[in-house]
N, C-alpha and C. Protein backbone atom coordinates (compact mmCIF):
# COMPACT_ATOMS: atom_id res chain seq x y z
N MET A 1 0.84 -1.18 0.00
CA MET A 1 0.00 0.00 0.00
C MET A 1 0.89 1.25 0.00
N GLU A 2 0.53 2.19 -0.81
CA GLU A 2 1.30 3.41 -0.94
C GLU A 2 0.87 4.43 0.11
N ASP A 3 1.86 5.09 0.73
CA ASP A 3 1.58 6.12 1.73
C ASP A 3 1.27 7.42 0.99
N GLU A 4 0.02 7.86 1.03
CA GLU A 4 -0.38 9.06 0.31
C GLU A 4 0.23 10.33 0.89
N GLY A 5 0.66 10.31 2.15
CA GLY A 5 1.24 11.49 2.79
C GLY A 5 2.73 11.61 2.58
N ALA A 6 3.34 10.73 1.79
CA ALA A 6 4.80 10.72 1.65
C ALA A 6 5.32 11.77 0.68
N GLY A 7 4.48 12.31 -0.18
CA GLY A 7 4.93 13.27 -1.18
C GLY A 7 4.98 14.68 -0.64
N ILE A 8 5.41 15.57 -1.50
CA ILE A 8 5.46 16.99 -1.16
C ILE A 8 4.21 17.64 -1.73
N ASP A 9 3.53 18.41 -0.92
CA ASP A 9 2.37 19.16 -1.38
C ASP A 9 2.89 20.43 -2.05
N ILE A 10 3.04 20.38 -3.37
CA ILE A 10 3.64 21.50 -4.10
C ILE A 10 2.79 22.76 -3.99
N GLY A 11 1.49 22.60 -3.80
CA GLY A 11 0.63 23.76 -3.58
C GLY A 11 0.98 24.47 -2.28
N ALA A 12 1.27 23.70 -1.24
CA ALA A 12 1.67 24.29 0.04
C ALA A 12 3.03 24.97 -0.10
N VAL A 13 3.93 24.34 -0.86
CA VAL A 13 5.25 24.95 -1.09
C VAL A 13 5.09 26.29 -1.80
N HIS A 14 4.22 26.33 -2.80
CA HIS A 14 3.99 27.58 -3.54
C HIS A 14 3.38 28.64 -2.61
N HIS A 15 2.50 28.22 -1.72
CA HIS A 15 1.89 29.15 -0.76
C HIS A 15 2.98 29.74 0.15
N ILE A 16 3.91 28.91 0.61
CA ILE A 16 5.01 29.38 1.45
C ILE A 16 5.90 30.33 0.65
N GLU A 17 6.14 29.99 -0.63
CA GLU A 17 6.94 30.86 -1.49
C GLU A 17 6.33 32.26 -1.54
N LEU A 18 5.03 32.33 -1.77
CA LEU A 18 4.36 33.63 -1.86
C LEU A 18 4.44 34.39 -0.54
N ALA A 19 4.30 33.69 0.58
CA ALA A 19 4.41 34.33 1.89
C ALA A 19 5.83 34.88 2.10
N CYS A 20 6.84 34.13 1.68
CA CYS A 20 8.23 34.60 1.80
C CYS A 20 8.46 35.82 0.94
N ARG A 21 7.95 35.80 -0.28
CA ARG A 21 8.10 36.96 -1.17
C ARG A 21 7.45 38.19 -0.55
N ASP A 22 6.28 38.00 0.06
CA ASP A 22 5.59 39.11 0.71
C ASP A 22 6.43 39.65 1.87
N GLN A 23 7.00 38.75 2.67
CA GLN A 23 7.86 39.18 3.78
C GLN A 23 9.05 39.97 3.26
N LEU A 24 9.66 39.49 2.18
CA LEU A 24 10.84 40.17 1.65
C LEU A 24 10.52 41.51 1.03
N GLU A 25 9.28 41.70 0.59
CA GLU A 25 8.85 43.02 0.09
C GLU A 25 8.97 44.05 1.21
N HIS A 26 8.64 43.64 2.43
CA HIS A 26 8.62 44.56 3.57
C HIS A 26 9.93 44.57 4.34
N THR A 27 10.63 43.43 4.36
CA THR A 27 11.89 43.32 5.09
C THR A 27 12.90 42.55 4.24
N PRO A 28 13.52 43.22 3.26
CA PRO A 28 14.44 42.54 2.35
C PRO A 28 15.67 41.96 3.04
N GLU A 29 15.96 42.42 4.24
CA GLU A 29 17.12 41.90 4.98
C GLU A 29 16.82 40.61 5.74
N ASN A 30 15.58 40.13 5.67
CA ASN A 30 15.15 38.95 6.41
C ASN A 30 15.76 37.69 5.79
N CYS A 31 16.89 37.26 6.34
CA CYS A 31 17.60 36.10 5.79
C CYS A 31 16.82 34.80 6.01
N GLU A 32 16.05 34.72 7.07
CA GLU A 32 15.24 33.52 7.31
C GLU A 32 14.20 33.34 6.20
N ALA A 33 13.50 34.40 5.86
CA ALA A 33 12.51 34.33 4.78
C ALA A 33 13.19 34.07 3.45
N ARG A 34 14.36 34.67 3.24
CA ARG A 34 15.09 34.49 1.98
C ARG A 34 15.55 33.03 1.84
N LEU A 35 15.98 32.43 2.94
CA LEU A 35 16.41 31.03 2.90
C LEU A 35 15.22 30.10 2.68
N ARG A 36 14.10 30.39 3.33
CA ARG A 36 12.89 29.59 3.08
C ARG A 36 12.46 29.70 1.63
N LEU A 37 12.55 30.90 1.07
CA LEU A 37 12.21 31.11 -0.34
C LEU A 37 13.14 30.29 -1.23
N ALA A 38 14.43 30.28 -0.92
CA ALA A 38 15.38 29.50 -1.72
C ALA A 38 15.00 28.02 -1.70
N TRP A 39 14.65 27.48 -0.53
CA TRP A 39 14.25 26.07 -0.45
C TRP A 39 12.96 25.82 -1.24
N CYS A 40 12.01 26.74 -1.14
CA CYS A 40 10.76 26.58 -1.91
C CYS A 40 11.05 26.53 -3.40
N LEU A 41 11.88 27.45 -3.87
CA LEU A 41 12.22 27.49 -5.29
C LEU A 41 12.95 26.22 -5.71
N PHE A 42 13.82 25.72 -4.85
CA PHE A 42 14.53 24.47 -5.14
C PHE A 42 13.52 23.32 -5.31
N LEU A 43 12.60 23.20 -4.35
CA LEU A 43 11.60 22.12 -4.42
C LEU A 43 10.71 22.26 -5.65
N GLU A 44 10.31 23.48 -5.95
CA GLU A 44 9.47 23.71 -7.13
C GLU A 44 10.23 23.39 -8.42
N ALA A 45 11.52 23.70 -8.45
CA ALA A 45 12.33 23.39 -9.64
C ALA A 45 12.44 21.89 -9.84
N VAL A 46 12.66 21.15 -8.76
CA VAL A 46 12.74 19.69 -8.85
C VAL A 46 11.40 19.13 -9.31
N HIS A 47 10.32 19.65 -8.76
CA HIS A 47 8.98 19.20 -9.14
C HIS A 47 8.73 19.46 -10.63
N GLU A 48 9.02 20.68 -11.09
CA GLU A 48 8.78 21.03 -12.49
C GLU A 48 9.68 20.22 -13.42
N ALA A 49 10.93 19.99 -13.02
CA ALA A 49 11.83 19.19 -13.86
C ALA A 49 11.27 17.78 -14.02
N GLY A 50 10.72 17.23 -12.97
CA GLY A 50 10.08 15.91 -13.05
C GLY A 50 8.89 15.92 -13.98
N ARG A 51 8.08 16.97 -13.91
CA ARG A 51 6.93 17.09 -14.81
C ARG A 51 7.37 17.18 -16.26
N VAL A 52 8.42 17.98 -16.51
CA VAL A 52 8.91 18.14 -17.87
C VAL A 52 9.40 16.79 -18.41
N ARG A 53 10.15 16.05 -17.59
CA ARG A 53 10.63 14.73 -18.02
C ARG A 53 9.46 13.79 -18.27
N GLY A 54 8.47 13.84 -17.39
CA GLY A 54 7.29 12.98 -17.56
C GLY A 54 6.52 13.30 -18.83
N VAL A 55 6.31 14.58 -19.08
CA VAL A 55 5.60 15.01 -20.29
C VAL A 55 6.40 14.60 -21.53
N SER A 56 7.71 14.79 -21.48
CA SER A 56 8.56 14.42 -22.62
C SER A 56 8.47 12.93 -22.90
N ALA A 57 8.44 12.12 -21.87
CA ALA A 57 8.34 10.67 -22.05
C ALA A 57 7.00 10.29 -22.68
N VAL A 58 5.92 10.93 -22.25
CA VAL A 58 4.59 10.65 -22.80
C VAL A 58 4.55 11.02 -24.29
N VAL A 59 5.09 12.21 -24.61
CA VAL A 59 5.09 12.66 -26.00
C VAL A 59 5.92 11.71 -26.86
N ARG A 60 7.09 11.30 -26.38
CA ARG A 60 7.93 10.35 -27.13
C ARG A 60 7.18 9.04 -27.38
N GLU A 61 6.54 8.53 -26.33
CA GLU A 61 5.80 7.27 -26.45
C GLU A 61 4.67 7.41 -27.47
N MET A 62 3.97 8.52 -27.45
CA MET A 62 2.87 8.72 -28.40
C MET A 62 3.40 8.80 -29.82
N LYS A 63 4.52 9.49 -30.02
CA LYS A 63 5.12 9.59 -31.35
C LYS A 63 5.54 8.20 -31.83
N ASP A 64 6.12 7.40 -30.92
CA ASP A 64 6.55 6.04 -31.28
C ASP A 64 5.37 5.19 -31.75
N ARG A 65 4.21 5.42 -31.19
CA ARG A 65 3.00 4.68 -31.58
C ARG A 65 2.31 5.30 -32.78
N GLY A 66 2.82 6.45 -33.23
CA GLY A 66 2.21 7.12 -34.38
C GLY A 66 0.99 7.93 -34.01
N ALA A 67 0.78 8.14 -32.74
CA ALA A 67 -0.38 8.90 -32.28
C ALA A 67 -0.08 10.40 -32.34
N GLN A 68 -1.13 11.18 -32.27
CA GLN A 68 -0.98 12.64 -32.20
C GLN A 68 -0.19 12.96 -30.94
N ALA A 69 0.91 13.66 -31.08
CA ALA A 69 1.77 13.97 -29.93
C ALA A 69 1.36 15.28 -29.30
N ARG A 70 0.44 15.18 -28.36
CA ARG A 70 0.02 16.37 -27.62
C ARG A 70 0.39 16.19 -26.16
N ALA A 71 1.12 17.13 -25.63
CA ALA A 71 1.54 17.05 -24.24
C ALA A 71 0.32 17.20 -23.33
N PRO A 72 0.25 16.38 -22.26
CA PRO A 72 -0.89 16.46 -21.35
C PRO A 72 -0.89 17.70 -20.47
N GLY A 73 0.10 18.51 -20.58
CA GLY A 73 0.14 19.74 -19.79
C GLY A 73 1.52 20.35 -19.88
N GLU A 74 1.58 21.63 -19.90
CA GLU A 74 2.86 22.32 -19.98
C GLU A 74 3.32 22.67 -18.57
N PRO A 75 4.62 22.73 -18.36
CA PRO A 75 5.09 23.14 -17.04
C PRO A 75 4.65 24.57 -16.76
N VAL A 76 4.28 24.81 -15.55
CA VAL A 76 3.82 26.13 -15.16
C VAL A 76 5.01 27.10 -15.10
N ARG A 77 6.15 26.60 -14.63
CA ARG A 77 7.33 27.45 -14.47
C ARG A 77 8.55 26.69 -14.96
N GLU A 78 9.53 27.41 -15.45
CA GLU A 78 10.74 26.79 -15.99
C GLU A 78 11.67 26.39 -14.85
N PRO A 79 12.06 25.11 -14.79
CA PRO A 79 12.95 24.64 -13.71
C PRO A 79 14.27 25.41 -13.65
N ASP A 80 14.88 25.71 -14.80
CA ASP A 80 16.16 26.42 -14.79
C ASP A 80 16.03 27.81 -14.18
N ARG A 81 14.93 28.50 -14.51
CA ARG A 81 14.73 29.84 -13.95
C ARG A 81 14.52 29.76 -12.43
N LEU A 82 13.77 28.76 -12.00
CA LEU A 82 13.55 28.57 -10.56
C LEU A 82 14.86 28.29 -9.84
N LEU A 83 15.73 27.46 -10.46
CA LEU A 83 17.02 27.17 -9.83
C LEU A 83 17.92 28.40 -9.78
N ARG A 84 17.92 29.19 -10.84
CA ARG A 84 18.73 30.42 -10.83
C ARG A 84 18.27 31.36 -9.72
N GLU A 85 16.96 31.50 -9.57
CA GLU A 85 16.44 32.38 -8.52
C GLU A 85 16.74 31.80 -7.14
N CYS A 86 16.62 30.49 -7.00
CA CYS A 86 16.96 29.82 -5.75
C CYS A 86 18.40 30.15 -5.37
N LEU A 87 19.31 30.02 -6.33
CA LEU A 87 20.73 30.29 -6.07
C LEU A 87 20.98 31.76 -5.75
N LYS A 88 20.24 32.65 -6.39
CA LYS A 88 20.39 34.08 -6.11
C LYS A 88 20.09 34.36 -4.63
N HIS A 89 18.99 33.79 -4.15
CA HIS A 89 18.61 34.03 -2.76
C HIS A 89 19.55 33.31 -1.80
N ALA A 90 19.96 32.10 -2.15
CA ALA A 90 20.89 31.36 -1.29
C ALA A 90 22.22 32.10 -1.19
N THR A 91 22.70 32.64 -2.30
CA THR A 91 23.96 33.38 -2.30
C THR A 91 23.85 34.64 -1.45
N ALA A 92 22.72 35.32 -1.53
CA ALA A 92 22.51 36.51 -0.70
C ALA A 92 22.56 36.15 0.78
N VAL A 93 21.92 35.05 1.15
CA VAL A 93 21.95 34.62 2.56
C VAL A 93 23.38 34.29 2.97
N ARG A 94 24.08 33.59 2.10
CA ARG A 94 25.47 33.21 2.41
C ARG A 94 26.32 34.44 2.66
N GLN A 95 26.09 35.50 1.91
CA GLN A 95 26.91 36.70 2.05
C GLN A 95 26.45 37.63 3.17
N LEU A 96 25.17 37.61 3.49
CA LEU A 96 24.63 38.60 4.42
C LEU A 96 24.34 38.08 5.82
N SER A 97 24.07 36.80 5.95
CA SER A 97 23.66 36.29 7.26
C SER A 97 24.87 36.00 8.15
N PRO A 98 24.79 36.47 9.40
CA PRO A 98 25.86 36.14 10.35
C PRO A 98 25.63 34.78 11.02
N ASP A 99 24.48 34.15 10.76
CA ASP A 99 24.10 32.91 11.42
C ASP A 99 24.76 31.71 10.74
N PRO A 100 25.63 30.97 11.44
CA PRO A 100 26.29 29.81 10.83
C PRO A 100 25.30 28.72 10.39
N ASN A 101 24.15 28.63 11.05
CA ASN A 101 23.14 27.65 10.63
C ASN A 101 22.59 27.99 9.25
N ASP A 102 22.45 29.27 8.95
CA ASP A 102 22.02 29.68 7.62
C ASP A 102 23.04 29.25 6.58
N HIS A 103 24.32 29.40 6.92
CA HIS A 103 25.39 29.02 5.99
C HIS A 103 25.36 27.51 5.71
N VAL A 104 25.06 26.73 6.74
CA VAL A 104 24.95 25.28 6.57
C VAL A 104 23.80 24.95 5.61
N MET A 105 22.67 25.61 5.79
CA MET A 105 21.51 25.37 4.92
C MET A 105 21.83 25.76 3.47
N VAL A 106 22.52 26.87 3.28
CA VAL A 106 22.90 27.30 1.94
C VAL A 106 23.82 26.26 1.31
N GLU A 107 24.77 25.75 2.09
CA GLU A 107 25.69 24.74 1.55
C GLU A 107 24.95 23.46 1.19
N GLN A 108 23.90 23.13 1.93
CA GLN A 108 23.10 21.96 1.58
C GLN A 108 22.44 22.15 0.21
N ILE A 109 21.88 23.32 -0.02
CA ILE A 109 21.27 23.62 -1.32
C ILE A 109 22.32 23.52 -2.42
N ARG A 110 23.45 24.18 -2.19
CA ARG A 110 24.51 24.19 -3.21
C ARG A 110 25.02 22.78 -3.49
N THR A 111 25.19 21.99 -2.46
CA THR A 111 25.68 20.62 -2.63
C THR A 111 24.69 19.78 -3.43
N LEU A 112 23.40 19.90 -3.09
CA LEU A 112 22.39 19.16 -3.84
C LEU A 112 22.41 19.54 -5.32
N LEU A 113 22.59 20.82 -5.59
CA LEU A 113 22.61 21.27 -6.98
C LEU A 113 23.87 20.79 -7.70
N VAL A 114 25.01 20.87 -7.05
CA VAL A 114 26.26 20.40 -7.67
C VAL A 114 26.16 18.91 -7.97
N GLU A 115 25.65 18.14 -6.99
CA GLU A 115 25.54 16.70 -7.17
C GLU A 115 24.51 16.30 -8.22
N SER A 116 23.59 17.22 -8.54
CA SER A 116 22.60 16.92 -9.57
C SER A 116 23.03 17.48 -10.93
N GLY A 117 24.29 17.89 -11.05
CA GLY A 117 24.80 18.35 -12.33
C GLY A 117 24.66 19.83 -12.59
N GLN A 118 24.35 20.61 -11.57
CA GLN A 118 24.14 22.05 -11.74
C GLN A 118 25.32 22.87 -11.23
N GLY A 119 26.51 22.28 -11.25
CA GLY A 119 27.70 22.96 -10.74
C GLY A 119 27.99 24.28 -11.43
N ASP A 120 27.78 24.33 -12.76
CA ASP A 120 28.02 25.58 -13.49
C ASP A 120 27.09 26.68 -13.00
N ALA A 121 25.84 26.34 -12.74
CA ALA A 121 24.87 27.33 -12.24
C ALA A 121 25.27 27.82 -10.85
N VAL A 122 25.75 26.91 -10.01
CA VAL A 122 26.19 27.29 -8.66
C VAL A 122 27.38 28.24 -8.76
N ARG A 123 28.35 27.91 -9.60
CA ARG A 123 29.53 28.78 -9.76
C ARG A 123 29.15 30.14 -10.35
N ALA A 124 28.24 30.14 -11.30
CA ALA A 124 27.80 31.41 -11.91
C ALA A 124 27.09 32.28 -10.88
N ALA A 125 26.25 31.68 -10.05
CA ALA A 125 25.55 32.45 -9.01
C ALA A 125 26.54 33.01 -8.00
N GLN A 126 27.55 32.23 -7.65
CA GLN A 126 28.56 32.71 -6.71
C GLN A 126 29.35 33.87 -7.31
N ALA A 127 29.73 33.74 -8.57
CA ALA A 127 30.47 34.81 -9.23
C ALA A 127 29.63 36.09 -9.30
N GLU A 128 28.35 35.95 -9.62
CA GLU A 128 27.46 37.12 -9.67
C GLU A 128 27.32 37.75 -8.28
N GLY A 129 27.16 36.92 -7.27
CA GLY A 129 27.07 37.42 -5.90
C GLY A 129 28.34 38.14 -5.48
N ASP A 130 29.48 37.58 -5.83
CA ASP A 130 30.77 38.23 -5.50
C ASP A 130 30.89 39.57 -6.21
N ARG A 131 30.45 39.62 -7.49
CA ARG A 131 30.51 40.87 -8.25
C ARG A 131 29.64 41.95 -7.61
N ILE A 132 28.44 41.58 -7.23
CA ILE A 132 27.51 42.53 -6.61
C ILE A 132 28.07 43.02 -5.28
N LEU A 133 28.61 42.10 -4.48
CA LEU A 133 29.18 42.47 -3.19
C LEU A 133 30.37 43.42 -3.37
N LYS A 134 31.21 43.17 -4.37
CA LYS A 134 32.36 44.03 -4.62
C LYS A 134 31.88 45.42 -5.04
N GLU A 135 30.90 45.49 -5.93
CA GLU A 135 30.37 46.79 -6.36
C GLU A 135 29.80 47.57 -5.18
N LEU A 136 29.09 46.89 -4.32
CA LEU A 136 28.51 47.54 -3.14
C LEU A 136 29.61 48.03 -2.20
N THR A 137 30.61 47.19 -1.97
CA THR A 137 31.73 47.57 -1.11
C THR A 137 32.47 48.78 -1.68
N ASP A 138 32.73 48.75 -2.98
CA ASP A 138 33.41 49.88 -3.63
C ASP A 138 32.59 51.17 -3.47
N ALA A 139 31.28 51.08 -3.66
CA ALA A 139 30.41 52.26 -3.53
C ALA A 139 30.44 52.80 -2.10
N ILE A 140 30.43 51.90 -1.14
CA ILE A 140 30.48 52.33 0.27
C ILE A 140 31.81 53.02 0.57
N LEU A 141 32.90 52.44 0.08
CA LEU A 141 34.23 53.03 0.33
C LEU A 141 34.38 54.39 -0.35
N ARG A 142 33.82 54.53 -1.55
CA ARG A 142 33.91 55.82 -2.26
C ARG A 142 33.09 56.90 -1.55
N SER A 143 31.97 56.51 -0.96
CA SER A 143 31.11 57.50 -0.34
C SER A 143 31.62 57.91 1.06
N GLY A 144 32.50 57.13 1.61
CA GLY A 144 32.99 57.41 2.97
C GLY A 144 34.22 58.13 2.99
């Protein structure tokens, strides 16, 4: 018998994502909300990537049978875009949060992405974060 409660409720994840975005609108320095948002985006990206693979397999199978190849549904959001945004928020937390627990959580996200073949995206996000931090530091030093 299959445990129906074993999966992730992607609707609940999306609801948490929206709540985090709302919090960040009012308190952009809130690293806890930013880290929760990064995890939500990560989960949504994994979910969407699975849907894309599933839809692709169905379309391939239908083509192999000579049937009309119509996808049963399009992904709502692009997994790559979700992962890039996830990394943007994770990198911000890594650079801004003084909490070592936050840094551990960010490294977990980064490790999962590297191990799933997204190392280039992780390195690109880090380089972008470093560039932004340098520009900000330079601006602060020039103004002082």
